[in-house]
C-alpha atoms as a PDB file:
ATOM      1  CA  MET A   1      59.442 -72.762 -55.753  1.00  0.00           C
ATOM      2  CA  PHE A   2      62.868 -71.978 -54.457  1.00  0.00           C
ATOM      3  CA  VAL A   3      61.598 -70.273 -51.369  1.00  0.00           C
ATOM      4  CA  PHE A   4      59.267 -73.065 -50.624  1.00  0.00           C
ATOM      5  CA  LYS A   5      62.188 -75.606 -50.592  1.00  0.00           C
ATOM      6  CA  LEU A   6      64.458 -73.590 -48.615  1.00  0.00           C
ATOM      7  CA  ILE A   7      61.955 -73.330 -45.907  1.00  0.00           C
ATOM      8  CA  VAL A   8      60.977 -76.973 -45.844  1.00  0.00           C
ATOM      9  CA  TYR A   9      64.774 -77.814 -45.806  1.00  0.00           C
ATOM     10  CA  LEU A  10      65.193 -75.251 -42.944  1.00  0.00           C
ATOM     11  CA  LEU A  11      62.099 -76.963 -40.814  1.00  0.00           C
ATOM     12  CA  ILE A  12      63.752 -80.289 -41.370  1.00  0.00           C
ATOM     13  CA  SER A  13      67.171 -79.147 -40.589  1.00  0.00           C
ATOM     14  CA  MET A  14      65.862 -78.053 -37.086  1.00  0.00           C
ATOM     15  CA  LEU A  15      66.145 -81.988 -35.977  1.00  0.00           C
ATOM     16  CA  PHE A  16      69.588 -81.977 -36.834  1.00  0.00           C
ATOM     17  CA  SER A  17      70.814 -78.889 -35.735  1.00  0.00           C
ATOM     18  CA  TYR A  18      74.159 -78.847 -33.519  1.00  0.00           C
ATOM     19  CA  GLU A  19      73.796 -77.148 -29.893  1.00  0.00           C
ATOM     20  CA  LEU A  20      75.890 -74.107 -28.984  1.00  0.00           C
ATOM     21  CA  SER A  21      76.079 -71.833 -25.928  1.00  0.00           C
ATOM     22  CA  ALA A  22      75.724 -68.343 -26.277  1.00  0.00           C
ATOM     23  CA  GLN A  23      79.053 -67.001 -27.696  1.00  0.00           C
ATOM     24  CA  GLU A  24      80.879 -63.665 -26.426  1.00  0.00           C
ATOM     25  CA  THR A  25      83.417 -63.274 -29.539  1.00  0.00           C
ATOM     26  CA  LYS A  26      83.112 -63.689 -33.102  1.00  0.00           C
ATOM     27  CA  VAL A  27      84.934 -66.849 -33.775  1.00  0.00           C
ATOM     28  CA  VAL A  28      84.635 -69.686 -36.436  1.00  0.00           C
ATOM     29  CA  VAL A  29      82.851 -72.413 -34.489  1.00  0.00           C
ATOM     30  CA  ILE A  30      82.823 -75.019 -37.177  1.00  0.00           C
ATOM     31  CA  ASN A  31      85.535 -75.256 -40.261  1.00  0.00           C
ATOM     32  CA  ASN A  32      83.329 -75.710 -43.441  1.00  0.00           C
ATOM     33  CA  GLU A  33      84.569 -75.750 -47.015  1.00  0.00           C
ATOM     34  CA  GLN A  34      81.495 -77.080 -48.623  1.00  0.00           C
ATOM     35  CA  ASN A  35      78.783 -74.472 -50.228  1.00  0.00           C
ATOM     36  CA  LEU A  36      75.247 -75.425 -50.242  1.00  0.00           C
ATOM     37  CA  GLN A  37      74.988 -73.990 -53.763  1.00  0.00           C
ATOM     38  CA  GLU A  38      77.413 -76.977 -54.850  1.00  0.00           C
ATOM     39  CA  ILE A  39      75.563 -79.554 -52.991  1.00  0.00           C
ATOM     40  CA  TYR A  40      72.062 -78.378 -54.484  1.00  0.00           C
ATOM     41  CA  PRO A  41      72.676 -76.828 -57.801  1.00  0.00           C
ATOM     42  CA  GLU A  42      69.164 -75.992 -58.064  1.00  0.00           C
ATOM     43  CA  VAL A  43      69.640 -73.106 -55.445  1.00  0.00           C
ATOM     44  CA  PRO A  44      70.116 -69.939 -57.818  1.00  0.00           C
ATOM     45  CA  SER A  45      72.181 -66.713 -57.627  1.00  0.00           C
ATOM     46  CA  TYR A  46      70.466 -63.980 -55.984  1.00  0.00           C
ATOM     47  CA  SER A  47      70.569 -60.253 -56.974  1.00  0.00           C
ATOM     48  CA  ASN A  48      69.759 -58.729 -53.569  1.00  0.00           C
ATOM     49  CA  GLN A  49      66.020 -57.565 -54.834  1.00  0.00           C
ATOM     50  CA  PHE A  50      64.369 -57.814 -51.270  1.00  0.00           C
ATOM     51  CA  SER A  51      61.841 -55.097 -52.257  1.00  0.00           C
ATOM     52  CA  SER A  52      58.162 -56.725 -51.138  1.00  0.00           C
ATOM     53  CA  LEU A  53      56.765 -58.264 -54.218  1.00  0.00           C
ATOM     54  CA  ALA A  54      53.001 -58.155 -55.192  1.00  0.00           C
ATOM     55  CA  LYS A  55      51.273 -61.021 -53.039  1.00  0.00           C
ATOM     56  CA  SER A  56      48.517 -63.113 -54.226  1.00  0.00           C
ATOM     57  CA  VAL A  57      44.928 -62.694 -52.506  1.00  0.00           C
ATOM     58  CA  GLY A  58      44.638 -64.731 -49.360  1.00  0.00           C
ATOM     59  CA  SER A  59      48.613 -64.423 -49.050  1.00  0.00           C
ATOM     60  CA  CYS A  60      49.550 -64.694 -45.239  1.00  0.00           C
ATOM     61  CA  TRP A  61      52.418 -61.682 -45.732  1.00  0.00           C
ATOM     62  CA  ASN A  62      51.871 -58.328 -44.355  1.00  0.00           C
ATOM     63  CA  ASP A  63      53.346 -55.671 -46.209  1.00  0.00           C
ATOM     64  CA  LEU A  64      54.966 -52.643 -44.455  1.00  0.00           C
ATOM     65  CA  ASP A  65      53.464 -49.407 -44.119  1.00  0.00           C
ATOM     66  CA  GLY A  66      53.982 -46.290 -42.414  1.00  0.00           C
ATOM     67  CA  THR A  67      52.344 -47.319 -39.143  1.00  0.00           C
ATOM     68  CA  TYR A  68      55.688 -49.562 -38.696  1.00  0.00           C
ATOM     69  CA  SER A  69      58.475 -48.287 -36.132  1.00  0.00           C
ATOM     70  CA  ASN A  70      62.090 -48.764 -37.503  1.00  0.00           C
ATOM     71  CA  ILE A  71      64.097 -50.099 -34.714  1.00  0.00           C
ATOM     72  CA  THR A  72      67.315 -50.829 -36.435  1.00  0.00           C
ATOM     73  CA  ASN A  73      69.389 -47.810 -35.111  1.00  0.00           C
ATOM     74  CA  SER A  74      67.973 -48.578 -31.781  1.00  0.00           C
ATOM     75  CA  VAL A  75      69.201 -52.092 -30.952  1.00  0.00           C
ATOM     76  CA  TYR A  76      71.572 -52.442 -28.027  1.00  0.00           C
ATOM     77  CA  GLY A  77      73.760 -54.859 -26.383  1.00  0.00           C
ATOM     78  CA  VAL A  78      74.675 -55.275 -22.837  1.00  0.00           C
ATOM     79  CA  SER A  79      77.948 -57.241 -22.787  1.00  0.00           C
ATOM     80  CA  GLY A  80      81.065 -58.350 -25.077  1.00  0.00           C
ATOM     81  CA  TRP A  81      80.621 -58.027 -28.643  1.00  0.00           C
ATOM     82  CA  ALA A  82      76.708 -57.663 -28.676  1.00  0.00           C
ATOM     83  CA  GLN A  83      77.282 -54.332 -26.515  1.00  0.00           C
ATOM     84  CA  ALA A  84      80.469 -53.163 -29.106  1.00  0.00           C
ATOM     85  CA  ASN A  85      78.498 -54.294 -32.089  1.00  0.00           C
ATOM     86  CA  PRO A  86      74.502 -54.030 -31.731  1.00  0.00           C
ATOM     87  CA  GLY A  87      73.778 -53.974 -35.221  1.00  0.00           C
ATOM     88  CA  ASP A  88      75.355 -57.507 -35.540  1.00  0.00           C
ATOM     89  CA  ASP A  89      73.955 -59.372 -32.125  1.00  0.00           C
ATOM     90  CA  GLY A  90      71.893 -56.670 -30.556  1.00  0.00           C
ATOM     91  CA  SER A  91      68.113 -56.540 -29.255  1.00  0.00           C
ATOM     92  CA  TYR A  92      65.468 -54.263 -28.580  1.00  0.00           C
ATOM     93  CA  GLY A  93      62.980 -53.929 -25.612  1.00  0.00           C
ATOM     94  CA  PRO A  94      61.238 -54.629 -23.677  1.00  0.00           C
ATOM     95  CA  ILE A  95      58.463 -53.728 -25.679  1.00  0.00           C
ATOM     96  CA  ASP A  96      55.142 -53.630 -23.501  1.00  0.00           C
ATOM     97  CA  LEU A  97      52.567 -55.617 -25.741  1.00  0.00           C
ATOM     98  CA  GLY A  98      49.526 -54.084 -24.174  1.00  0.00           C
ATOM     99  CA  PHE A  99      47.823 -57.606 -24.480  1.00  0.00           C
ATOM    100  CA  THR A 100      48.701 -60.986 -23.100  1.00  0.00           C
ATOM    101  CA  TYR A 101      50.722 -63.653 -25.001  1.00  0.00           C
ATOM    102  CA  THR A 102      50.196 -67.096 -24.024  1.00  0.00           C
ATOM    103  CA  PHE A 103      53.109 -69.391 -24.836  1.00  0.00           C
ATOM    104  CA  TYR A 104      52.836 -72.960 -23.433  1.00  0.00           C
ATOM    105  CA  GLY A 105      50.552 -71.876 -20.699  1.00  0.00           C
ATOM    106  CA  VAL A 106      52.933 -69.054 -19.409  1.00  0.00           C
ATOM    107  CA  GLU A 107      51.389 -65.600 -20.103  1.00  0.00           C
ATOM    108  CA  TYR A 108      53.815 -62.872 -21.299  1.00  0.00           C
ATOM    109  CA  THR A 109      52.853 -59.086 -21.352  1.00  0.00           C
ATOM    110  CA  SER A 110      56.329 -57.979 -22.841  1.00  0.00           C
ATOM    111  CA  VAL A 111      58.884 -59.185 -25.572  1.00  0.00           C
ATOM    112  CA  TYR A 112      62.450 -58.830 -26.724  1.00  0.00           C
ATOM    113  CA  ILE A 113      63.224 -58.417 -30.268  1.00  0.00           C
ATOM    114  CA  ASN A 114      66.744 -59.875 -31.115  1.00  0.00           C
ATOM    115  CA  VAL A 115      68.706 -58.887 -34.281  1.00  0.00           C
ATOM    116  CA  ASN A 116      69.204 -62.604 -34.836  1.00  0.00           C
ATOM    117  CA  GLY A 117      65.747 -63.518 -36.286  1.00  0.00           C
ATOM    118  CA  ASN A 118      63.900 -64.240 -32.853  1.00  0.00           C
ATOM    119  CA  VAL A 119      62.145 -62.909 -29.795  1.00  0.00           C
ATOM    120  CA  THR A 120      62.658 -63.811 -26.265  1.00  0.00           C
ATOM    121  CA  PHE A 121      61.019 -63.180 -22.932  1.00  0.00           C
ATOM    122  CA  GLY A 122      62.273 -61.772 -19.770  1.00  0.00           C
ATOM    123  CA  ASN A 123      65.694 -60.992 -21.177  1.00  0.00           C
ATOM    124  CA  LEU A 124      67.291 -60.113 -24.449  1.00  0.00           C
ATOM    125  CA  TYR A 125      69.455 -63.033 -26.292  1.00  0.00           C
ATOM    126  CA  SER A 126      72.625 -62.192 -28.562  1.00  0.00           C
ATOM    127  CA  ALA A 127      73.568 -65.985 -29.337  1.00  0.00           C
ATOM    128  CA  TYR A 128      74.085 -66.065 -33.263  1.00  0.00           C
ATOM    129  CA  SER A 129      74.947 -69.716 -34.093  1.00  0.00           C
ATOM    130  CA  ALA A 130      71.557 -71.445 -33.827  1.00  0.00           C
ATOM    131  CA  SER A 131      70.774 -74.391 -31.672  1.00  0.00           C
ATOM    132  CA  GLY A 132      68.192 -77.128 -32.490  1.00  0.00           C
ATOM    133  CA  PHE A 133      65.199 -77.098 -30.368  1.00  0.00           C
ATOM    134  CA  PRO A 134      64.839 -78.109 -27.316  1.00  0.00           C
ATOM    135  CA  SER A 135      67.952 -76.780 -26.094  1.00  0.00           C
ATOM    136  CA  SER A 136      68.712 -76.368 -22.355  1.00  0.00           C
ATOM    137  CA  SER A 137      70.811 -73.564 -23.178  1.00  0.00           C
ATOM    138  CA  VAL A 138      68.331 -71.371 -25.016  1.00  0.00           C
ATOM    139  CA  PRO A 139      65.655 -69.508 -23.144  1.00  0.00           C
ATOM    140  CA  ALA A 140      61.838 -69.338 -24.131  1.00  0.00           C
ATOM    141  CA  MET A 141      62.289 -68.191 -27.621  1.00  0.00           C
ATOM    142  CA  ILE A 142      60.213 -67.956 -30.832  1.00  0.00           C
ATOM    143  CA  ALA A 143      62.282 -67.910 -33.984  1.00  0.00           C
ATOM    144  CA  PRO A 144      61.050 -67.369 -37.289  1.00  0.00           C
ATOM    145  CA  TYR A 145      64.597 -67.503 -38.408  1.00  0.00           C
ATOM    146  CA  TRP A 146      67.273 -67.608 -35.792  1.00  0.00           C
ATOM    147  CA  GLY A 147      70.451 -67.148 -37.740  1.00  0.00           C
ATOM    148  CA  ASP A 148      73.486 -65.036 -37.825  1.00  0.00           C
ATOM    149  CA  VAL A 149      71.943 -61.659 -39.084  1.00  0.00           C
ATOM    150  CA  ASP A 150      74.323 -58.605 -39.347  1.00  0.00           C
ATOM    151  CA  LEU A 151      72.512 -55.202 -39.903  1.00  0.00           C
ATOM    152  CA  ARG A 152      75.866 -53.561 -40.321  1.00  0.00           C
ATOM    153  CA  GLY A 153      76.192 -54.409 -43.974  1.00  0.00           C
ATOM    154  CA  THR A 154      75.387 -51.750 -46.821  1.00  0.00           C
ATOM    155  CA  GLY A 155      72.900 -51.650 -49.426  1.00  0.00           C
ATOM    156  CA  LEU A 156      70.055 -49.567 -50.463  1.00  0.00           C
ATOM    157  CA  GLY A 157      67.018 -50.246 -48.170  1.00  0.00           C
ATOM    158  CA  ALA A 158      68.838 -53.551 -46.669  1.00  0.00           C
ATOM    159  CA  ASN A 159      69.433 -54.362 -43.156  1.00  0.00           C
ATOM    160  CA  GLN A 160      66.253 -52.979 -41.527  1.00  0.00           C
ATOM    161  CA  ILE A 161      63.847 -54.415 -38.551  1.00  0.00           C
ATOM    162  CA  TYR A 162      60.573 -53.097 -38.042  1.00  0.00           C
ATOM    163  CA  TYR A 163      57.756 -53.671 -35.867  1.00  0.00           C
ATOM    164  CA  LYS A 164      54.007 -52.795 -35.627  1.00  0.00           C
ATOM    165  CA  LEU A 165      51.974 -52.911 -32.243  1.00  0.00           C
ATOM    166  CA  ASP A 166      48.100 -53.264 -32.511  1.00  0.00           C
ATOM    167  CA  SER A 167      45.706 -53.607 -29.644  1.00  0.00           C
ATOM    168  CA  ASN A 168      45.951 -57.361 -29.877  1.00  0.00           C
ATOM    169  CA  LYS A 169      48.884 -58.191 -31.702  1.00  0.00           C
ATOM    170  CA  ILE A 170      52.571 -57.354 -32.749  1.00  0.00           C
ATOM    171  CA  THR A 171      54.132 -57.686 -36.046  1.00  0.00           C
ATOM    172  CA  ILE A 172      57.752 -57.782 -36.532  1.00  0.00           C
ATOM    173  CA  GLN A 173      59.550 -57.805 -39.850  1.00  0.00           C
ATOM    174  CA  TRP A 174      63.522 -58.509 -40.542  1.00  0.00           C
ATOM    175  CA  VAL A 175      63.622 -56.662 -44.260  1.00  0.00           C
ATOM    176  CA  GLY A 176      66.470 -57.629 -46.365  1.00  0.00           C
ATOM    177  CA  THR A 177      68.727 -58.752 -43.701  1.00  0.00           C
ATOM    178  CA  GLY A 178      72.256 -59.787 -44.495  1.00  0.00           C
ATOM    179  CA  HIS A 179      74.519 -62.243 -42.521  1.00  0.00           C
ATOM    180  CA  TYR A 180      78.013 -61.909 -40.649  1.00  0.00           C
ATOM    181  CA  ASN A 181      80.386 -60.286 -41.687  1.00  0.00           C
ATOM    182  CA  LYS A 182      78.539 -57.377 -43.002  1.00  0.00           C
ATOM    183  CA  LYS A 183      77.346 -59.748 -46.126  1.00  0.00           C
ATOM    184  CA  THR A 184      74.339 -58.358 -48.084  1.00  0.00           C
ATOM    185  CA  ALA A 185      75.004 -60.203 -51.422  1.00  0.00           C
ATOM    186  CA  LEU A 186      72.268 -62.463 -50.135  1.00  0.00           C
ATOM    187  CA  THR A 187      69.432 -61.248 -47.866  1.00  0.00           C
ATOM    188  CA  ASN A 188      66.491 -62.681 -46.033  1.00  0.00           C
ATOM    189  CA  THR A 189      62.806 -61.112 -45.645  1.00  0.00           C
ATOM    190  CA  PHE A 190      60.504 -62.820 -42.986  1.00  0.00           C
ATOM    191  CA  GLN A 191      58.104 -61.837 -40.230  1.00  0.00           C
ATOM    192  CA  LEU A 192      56.535 -62.764 -36.827  1.00  0.00           C
ATOM    193  CA  VAL A 193      53.034 -62.089 -35.909  1.00  0.00           C
ATOM    194  CA  MET A 194      52.011 -62.799 -32.227  1.00  0.00           C
ATOM    195  CA  THR A 195      48.442 -62.048 -30.846  1.00  0.00           C
ATOM    196  CA  ASP A 196      46.413 -62.530 -28.018  1.00  0.00           C
ATOM    197  CA  GLY A 197      44.298 -65.308 -29.922  1.00  0.00           C
ATOM    198  CA  THR A 198      41.461 -63.180 -30.882  1.00  0.00           C
ATOM    199  CA  ASP A 199      43.138 -61.923 -34.463  1.00  0.00           C
ATOM    200  CA  PRO A 200      40.381 -62.845 -37.259  1.00  0.00           C
ATOM    201  CA  VAL A 201      43.299 -63.143 -39.478  1.00  0.00           C
ATOM    202  CA  LEU A 202      45.289 -65.726 -37.691  1.00  0.00           C
ATOM    203  CA  GLY A 203      42.003 -67.176 -36.491  1.00  0.00           C
ATOM    204  CA  ALA A 204      40.373 -67.415 -33.078  1.00  0.00           C
ATOM    205  CA  GLY A 205      42.716 -69.623 -30.808  1.00  0.00           C
ATOM    206  CA  TYR A 206      45.757 -69.224 -32.955  1.00  0.00           C
ATOM    207  CA  ASN A 207      48.354 -66.942 -31.639  1.00  0.00           C
ATOM    208  CA  THR A 208      51.585 -67.269 -33.675  1.00  0.00           C
ATOM    209  CA  ARG A 209      52.353 -66.931 -37.565  1.00  0.00           C
ATOM    210  CA  PHE A 210      55.754 -66.950 -39.460  1.00  0.00           C
ATOM    211  CA  ALA A 211      55.745 -65.631 -42.877  1.00  0.00           C
ATOM    212  CA  TYR A 212      58.518 -65.581 -45.388  1.00  0.00           C
ATOM    213  CA  ASP A 213      59.121 -63.260 -48.435  1.00  0.00           C
ATOM    214  CA  ASP A 214      62.312 -63.844 -50.142  1.00  0.00           C
ATOM    215  CA  MET A 215      64.911 -66.190 -48.287  1.00  0.00           C
ATOM    216  CA  ASN A 216      68.459 -66.558 -49.418  1.00  0.00           C
ATOM    217  CA  TRP A 217      70.853 -67.474 -46.883  1.00  0.00           C
ATOM    218  CA  CYS A 218      71.224 -69.957 -44.119  1.00  0.00           C
ATOM    219  CA  VAL A 219      74.092 -69.139 -41.640  1.00  0.00           C
ATOM    220  CA  GLY A 220      76.681 -66.564 -41.031  1.00  0.00           C
ATOM    221  CA  ASP A 221      80.398 -66.662 -41.614  1.00  0.00           C
ATOM    222  CA  ALA A 222      81.239 -67.398 -38.106  1.00  0.00           C
ATOM    223  CA  SER A 223      78.652 -70.111 -37.705  1.00  0.00           C
ATOM    224  CA  GLY A 224      80.494 -72.245 -40.411  1.00  0.00           C
ATOM    225  CA  GLY A 225      79.050 -70.910 -43.354  1.00  0.00           C
ATOM    226  CA  THR A 226      80.579 -69.766 -46.292  1.00  0.00           C
ATOM    227  CA  ASN A 227      78.881 -67.080 -48.706  1.00  0.00           C
ATOM    228  CA  GLY A 228      75.619 -67.931 -46.619  1.00  0.00           C
ATOM    229  CA  PHE A 229      75.717 -71.719 -46.803  1.00  0.00           C
ATOM    230  CA  GLY A 230      77.186 -74.649 -45.228  1.00  0.00           C
ATOM    231  CA  SER A 231      77.343 -78.328 -44.680  1.00  0.00           C
ATOM    232  CA  ASN A 232      75.587 -79.596 -41.637  1.00  0.00           C
ATOM    233  CA  VAL A 233      75.042 -76.089 -40.125  1.00  0.00           C
ATOM    234  CA  TYR A 234      71.469 -74.469 -40.400  1.00  0.00           C
ATOM    235  CA  GLY A 235      69.383 -71.860 -39.117  1.00  0.00           C
ATOM    236  CA  THR A 236      66.561 -72.577 -36.627  1.00  0.00           C
ATOM    237  CA  VAL A 237      62.944 -72.120 -37.198  1.00  0.00           C
ATOM    238  CA  GLY A 238      60.428 -72.880 -34.624  1.00  0.00           C
ATOM    239  CA  ALA A 239      59.778 -72.041 -30.656  1.00  0.00           C
ATOM    240  CA  GLN A 240      60.490 -73.459 -27.345  1.00  0.00           C
ATOM    241  CA  THR A 241      60.068 -72.849 -23.598  1.00  0.00           C
ATOM    242  CA  GLU A 242      62.400 -72.252 -21.054  1.00  0.00           C
END
């Protein structure tokens, strides 16, 4: 129930997110002294148990298996903070999909996976403070959860990104990901599936699916958050064209 409430809250919050341009340095962009747990006391504490739970029949979640590739240690950045700290704001790609992904009428055959919970086309993207969609400063993006993910924190099995490429789809998983600055007391686990529209699980004509396992933080410290939450600062869930 908590996961459902949090996802609904995040989806609604997209309409009210503030717009920020891509940042090169980690500075606090919004001063904030409120914690969401103080405003919404039903938000429970979290024990960092992000291992995949048994899913019910018919669940849309795809469990990890040995066919996934771990890209955690292969992310990179091309300039500024992302280049010096790729585990924080880095990217991986381009990945040749081997199929055509159609996004608002535009056909793509490759994609970049960005550490901060989104994928982009044509180029990587390192901005860590989420903008509401649509935003003129954001490229074509699909964001199962755009927030300031930081893979540099410690924790057994934490802070991993995996992907699996099939003939007609790609599945990307952010597993036990913490937030800036190297925080793993709260973690998020979520996934994105993109297909050519022929995958029988998603259904003919459907080519994108977001799925969530355990979601426990909203924003990082440099985006106005305190301990993963904030007041009037949000992550972004959704998609937009250029």
